[in-house]
Amino acid sequence: MSQAASGNTVRIHYTGTLEDGTEFDSSKGRDPLEFVLGSGQVIPGFDKAVTGMAAGESKTVTIAAADAYGERHDELVQEVARSIIPDDLEPAVGMQLQGQSDNGQVQHFVVTAVSDDTITLDANHPLAGQPLTFAIELVSVGG
């Protein structure tokens, strides 16, 4: 039976949980996730976890934050004037917003605080700074 290696197209079922057991993502009830190992389509620790597995094999791995969505960076949290938000948008904690950087890149933010004059935006990935546990089942390995 062949083992998954860099460059192979793999199909997997997975369930991702946080340290407290909260499930944050799963392929349950959907088609398996398909990606090319080593192509950067998934977080680095996920690539490493699947590499060497054989079709039909299952395992559970915990991926450190550095190999998942990275550490949290305080400099990615900023307080901005509420006036930069369109008048027809009522900001609320937890709301997700998009903006554009000076170089034209789309940035994603989560509103973490709202006052009469300011809004605090966090550009960190919501899972940054957290180790992630995945139950993985390798469904198939292709060329």
C-alpha atoms as a PDB file:
ATOM      1  CA  MET A   1       0.000   0.000   0.000  1.00  0.00           C
ATOM      2  CA  SER A   2       1.444   3.385  -0.961  1.00  0.00           C
ATOM      3  CA  GLN A   3       2.152   6.053   1.613  1.00  0.00           C
ATOM      4  CA  ALA A   4       1.248   9.689   1.090  1.00  0.00           C
ATOM      5  CA  ALA A   5       4.225  11.776  -0.035  1.00  0.00           C
ATOM      6  CA  SER A   6       4.829  15.348  -1.170  1.00  0.00           C
ATOM      7  CA  GLY A   7       3.201  15.926  -4.559  1.00  0.00           C
ATOM      8  CA  ASN A   8       0.481  13.289  -4.053  1.00  0.00           C
ATOM      9  CA  THR A   9      -3.170  14.266  -4.225  1.00  0.00           C
ATOM     10  CA  VAL A  10      -4.791  13.036  -1.032  1.00  0.00           C
ATOM     11  CA  ARG A  11      -8.380  12.870   0.158  1.00  0.00           C
ATOM     12  CA  ILE A  12      -9.027  12.956   3.881  1.00  0.00           C
ATOM     13  CA  HIS A  13     -11.804  13.170   6.406  1.00  0.00           C
ATOM     14  CA  TYR A  14     -10.985  15.209   9.486  1.00  0.00           C
ATOM     15  CA  THR A  15     -12.341  16.786  12.639  1.00  0.00           C
ATOM     16  CA  GLY A  16     -10.507  19.725  14.204  1.00  0.00           C
ATOM     17  CA  THR A  17     -10.821  20.598  17.884  1.00  0.00           C
ATOM     18  CA  LEU A  18      -9.386  23.188  20.274  1.00  0.00           C
ATOM     19  CA  GLU A  19      -7.661  22.431  23.589  1.00  0.00           C
ATOM     20  CA  ASP A  20     -11.004  22.577  25.432  1.00  0.00           C
ATOM     21  CA  GLY A  21     -12.520  20.025  23.019  1.00  0.00           C
ATOM     22  CA  THR A  22     -14.581  22.559  21.030  1.00  0.00           C
ATOM     23  CA  GLU A  23     -14.952  21.412  17.419  1.00  0.00           C
ATOM     24  CA  PHE A  24     -14.025  24.220  15.001  1.00  0.00           C
ATOM     25  CA  ASP A  25     -14.172  22.368  11.671  1.00  0.00           C
ATOM     26  CA  SER A  26     -15.004  18.962  10.249  1.00  0.00           C
ATOM     27  CA  SER A  27     -15.582  17.193   6.952  1.00  0.00           C
ATOM     28  CA  LYS A  28     -18.424  15.160   8.534  1.00  0.00           C
ATOM     29  CA  GLY A  29     -21.352  15.001   6.156  1.00  0.00           C
ATOM     30  CA  ARG A  30     -19.293  16.403   3.261  1.00  0.00           C
ATOM     31  CA  ASP A  31     -16.991  15.016   0.617  1.00  0.00           C
ATOM     32  CA  PRO A  32     -13.446  14.357   1.829  1.00  0.00           C
ATOM     33  CA  LEU A  33     -11.026  17.293   1.691  1.00  0.00           C
ATOM     34  CA  GLU A  34      -8.748  16.932  -1.340  1.00  0.00           C
ATOM     35  CA  PHE A  35      -5.368  18.653  -1.571  1.00  0.00           C
ATOM     36  CA  VAL A  36      -1.847  18.178  -2.915  1.00  0.00           C
ATOM     37  CA  LEU A  37       0.652  17.372  -0.159  1.00  0.00           C
ATOM     38  CA  GLY A  38       3.414  19.966   0.120  1.00  0.00           C
ATOM     39  CA  SER A  39       1.637  22.536  -2.067  1.00  0.00           C
ATOM     40  CA  GLY A  40       0.775  24.983   0.727  1.00  0.00           C
ATOM     41  CA  GLN A  41      -2.979  24.392   0.382  1.00  0.00           C
ATOM     42  CA  VAL A  42      -3.287  23.454   4.069  1.00  0.00           C
ATOM     43  CA  ILE A  43      -1.478  24.522   7.230  1.00  0.00           C
ATOM     44  CA  PRO A  44       2.097  23.146   7.470  1.00  0.00           C
ATOM     45  CA  GLY A  45       1.412  20.863  10.427  1.00  0.00           C
ATOM     46  CA  PHE A  46      -1.475  19.252   8.577  1.00  0.00           C
ATOM     47  CA  ASP A  47       0.791  18.447   5.612  1.00  0.00           C
ATOM     48  CA  LYS A  48       3.320  16.897   8.006  1.00  0.00           C
ATOM     49  CA  ALA A  49       0.626  14.853   9.762  1.00  0.00           C
ATOM     50  CA  VAL A  50      -0.717  13.317   6.543  1.00  0.00           C
ATOM     51  CA  THR A  51       2.721  12.630   5.015  1.00  0.00           C
ATOM     52  CA  GLY A  52       3.549   8.924   5.447  1.00  0.00           C
ATOM     53  CA  MET A  53      -0.026   7.824   6.091  1.00  0.00           C
ATOM     54  CA  ALA A  54      -1.535   5.004   4.011  1.00  0.00           C
ATOM     55  CA  ALA A  55      -5.074   4.911   2.599  1.00  0.00           C
ATOM     56  CA  GLY A  56      -7.489   3.710   5.287  1.00  0.00           C
ATOM     57  CA  GLU A  57      -5.188   4.799   8.123  1.00  0.00           C
ATOM     58  CA  SER A  58      -6.488   7.068  10.900  1.00  0.00           C
ATOM     59  CA  LYS A  59      -4.666   9.060  13.546  1.00  0.00           C
ATOM     60  CA  THR A  60      -5.054  12.007  15.884  1.00  0.00           C
ATOM     61  CA  VAL A  61      -2.406  14.735  16.000  1.00  0.00           C
ATOM     62  CA  THR A  62      -1.974  18.004  17.877  1.00  0.00           C
ATOM     63  CA  ILE A  63      -0.385  20.765  15.823  1.00  0.00           C
ATOM     64  CA  ALA A  64       1.450  23.587  17.598  1.00  0.00           C
ATOM     65  CA  ALA A  65       0.305  27.135  16.807  1.00  0.00           C
ATOM     66  CA  ALA A  66       3.547  27.804  14.899  1.00  0.00           C
ATOM     67  CA  ASP A  67       2.682  24.995  12.435  1.00  0.00           C
ATOM     68  CA  ALA A  68      -1.006  25.946  12.315  1.00  0.00           C
ATOM     69  CA  TYR A  69      -2.106  29.585  11.949  1.00  0.00           C
ATOM     70  CA  GLY A  70       0.924  31.071  13.694  1.00  0.00           C
ATOM     71  CA  GLU A  71       1.237  32.998  16.904  1.00  0.00           C
ATOM     72  CA  ARG A  72      -0.953  36.000  17.716  1.00  0.00           C
ATOM     73  CA  HIS A  73       0.625  39.356  16.954  1.00  0.00           C
ATOM     74  CA  ASP A  74      -0.439  42.384  19.000  1.00  0.00           C
ATOM     75  CA  GLU A  75       0.543  44.701  16.140  1.00  0.00           C
ATOM     76  CA  LEU A  76      -2.307  43.217  14.077  1.00  0.00           C
ATOM     77  CA  VAL A  77      -4.830  44.680  16.524  1.00  0.00           C
ATOM     78  CA  GLN A  78      -5.658  48.323  15.857  1.00  0.00           C
ATOM     79  CA  GLU A  79      -8.082  50.918  17.084  1.00  0.00           C
ATOM     80  CA  VAL A  80      -9.584  53.011  14.277  1.00  0.00           C
ATOM     81  CA  ALA A  81     -12.003  55.897  14.062  1.00  0.00           C
ATOM     82  CA  ARG A  82     -15.582  54.708  13.781  1.00  0.00           C
ATOM     83  CA  SER A  83     -16.007  57.226  10.952  1.00  0.00           C
ATOM     84  CA  ILE A  84     -14.045  54.960   8.553  1.00  0.00           C
ATOM     85  CA  ILE A  85     -16.926  52.455   8.604  1.00  0.00           C
ATOM     86  CA  PRO A  86     -19.751  53.133   6.121  1.00  0.00           C
ATOM     87  CA  ASP A  87     -22.742  54.888   7.716  1.00  0.00           C
ATOM     88  CA  ASP A  88     -25.112  52.043   6.821  1.00  0.00           C
ATOM     89  CA  LEU A  89     -23.003  49.487   8.727  1.00  0.00           C
ATOM     90  CA  GLU A  90     -23.530  49.098  12.466  1.00  0.00           C
ATOM     91  CA  PRO A  91     -20.327  47.516  13.860  1.00  0.00           C
ATOM     92  CA  ALA A  92     -20.682  44.838  16.536  1.00  0.00           C
ATOM     93  CA  VAL A  93     -18.196  42.673  18.419  1.00  0.00           C
ATOM     94  CA  GLY A  94     -17.532  39.486  16.425  1.00  0.00           C
ATOM     95  CA  MET A  95     -18.426  41.068  13.084  1.00  0.00           C
ATOM     96  CA  GLN A  96     -16.035  40.241  10.260  1.00  0.00           C
ATOM     97  CA  LEU A  97     -14.918  43.051   7.969  1.00  0.00           C
ATOM     98  CA  GLN A  98     -12.685  43.357   4.931  1.00  0.00           C
ATOM     99  CA  GLY A  99     -10.400  46.220   4.078  1.00  0.00           C
ATOM    100  CA  GLN A 100      -7.646  46.961   1.637  1.00  0.00           C
ATOM    101  CA  SER A 101      -4.045  47.665   2.580  1.00  0.00           C
ATOM    102  CA  ASP A 102      -1.973  50.442   1.006  1.00  0.00           C
ATOM    103  CA  ASN A 103      -0.533  47.914  -1.458  1.00  0.00           C
ATOM    104  CA  GLY A 104      -3.977  46.708  -2.552  1.00  0.00           C
ATOM    105  CA  GLN A 105      -4.091  43.434  -0.601  1.00  0.00           C
ATOM    106  CA  VAL A 106      -7.427  42.417   0.899  1.00  0.00           C
ATOM    107  CA  GLN A 107      -7.258  42.168   4.693  1.00  0.00           C
ATOM    108  CA  HIS A 108      -9.757  40.427   6.966  1.00  0.00           C
ATOM    109  CA  PHE A 109     -10.591  41.801  10.413  1.00  0.00           C
ATOM    110  CA  VAL A 110     -12.756  40.817  13.349  1.00  0.00           C
ATOM    111  CA  VAL A 111     -14.323  43.599  15.410  1.00  0.00           C
ATOM    112  CA  THR A 112     -13.235  43.062  19.029  1.00  0.00           C
ATOM    113  CA  ALA A 113     -14.522  46.280  20.660  1.00  0.00           C
ATOM    114  CA  VAL A 114     -16.851  49.163  19.757  1.00  0.00           C
ATOM    115  CA  SER A 115     -17.201  52.563  21.406  1.00  0.00           C
ATOM    116  CA  ASP A 116     -18.974  55.754  20.356  1.00  0.00           C
ATOM    117  CA  ASP A 117     -15.840  57.010  18.575  1.00  0.00           C
ATOM    118  CA  THR A 118     -13.652  53.984  17.832  1.00  0.00           C
ATOM    119  CA  ILE A 119     -13.655  50.370  16.699  1.00  0.00           C
ATOM    120  CA  THR A 120     -10.961  47.830  17.581  1.00  0.00           C
ATOM    121  CA  LEU A 121     -10.073  45.513  14.696  1.00  0.00           C
ATOM    122  CA  ASP A 122      -8.047  42.302  14.918  1.00  0.00           C
ATOM    123  CA  ALA A 123      -6.337  41.019  11.739  1.00  0.00           C
ATOM    124  CA  ASN A 124      -4.994  37.857  13.406  1.00  0.00           C
ATOM    125  CA  HIS A 125      -6.474  34.610  12.110  1.00  0.00           C
ATOM    126  CA  PRO A 126      -9.197  33.562  14.607  1.00  0.00           C
ATOM    127  CA  LEU A 127      -7.215  30.367  15.385  1.00  0.00           C
ATOM    128  CA  ALA A 128      -3.814  32.091  15.694  1.00  0.00           C
ATOM    129  CA  GLY A 129      -1.918  31.273  18.874  1.00  0.00           C
ATOM    130  CA  GLN A 130      -3.778  28.029  19.489  1.00  0.00           C
ATOM    131  CA  PRO A 131      -2.637  24.430  19.190  1.00  0.00           C
ATOM    132  CA  LEU A 132      -5.105  22.459  17.078  1.00  0.00           C
ATOM    133  CA  THR A 133      -5.984  18.778  17.353  1.00  0.00           C
ATOM    134  CA  PHE A 134      -7.111  16.875  14.272  1.00  0.00           C
ATOM    135  CA  ALA A 135      -8.582  13.388  13.959  1.00  0.00           C
ATOM    136  CA  ILE A 136      -7.549  12.415  10.410  1.00  0.00           C
ATOM    137  CA  GLU A 137      -8.594   9.520   8.196  1.00  0.00           C
ATOM    138  CA  LEU A 138      -6.722   9.185   4.904  1.00  0.00           C
ATOM    139  CA  VAL A 139      -9.349   8.088   2.369  1.00  0.00           C
ATOM    140  CA  SER A 140      -7.131   7.869  -0.726  1.00  0.00           C
ATOM    141  CA  VAL A 141      -3.682   8.673  -2.152  1.00  0.00           C
ATOM    142  CA  GLY A 142      -3.333   9.612  -5.814  1.00  0.00           C
ATOM    143  CA  GLY A 143      -0.342  10.379  -8.044  1.00  0.00           C
END
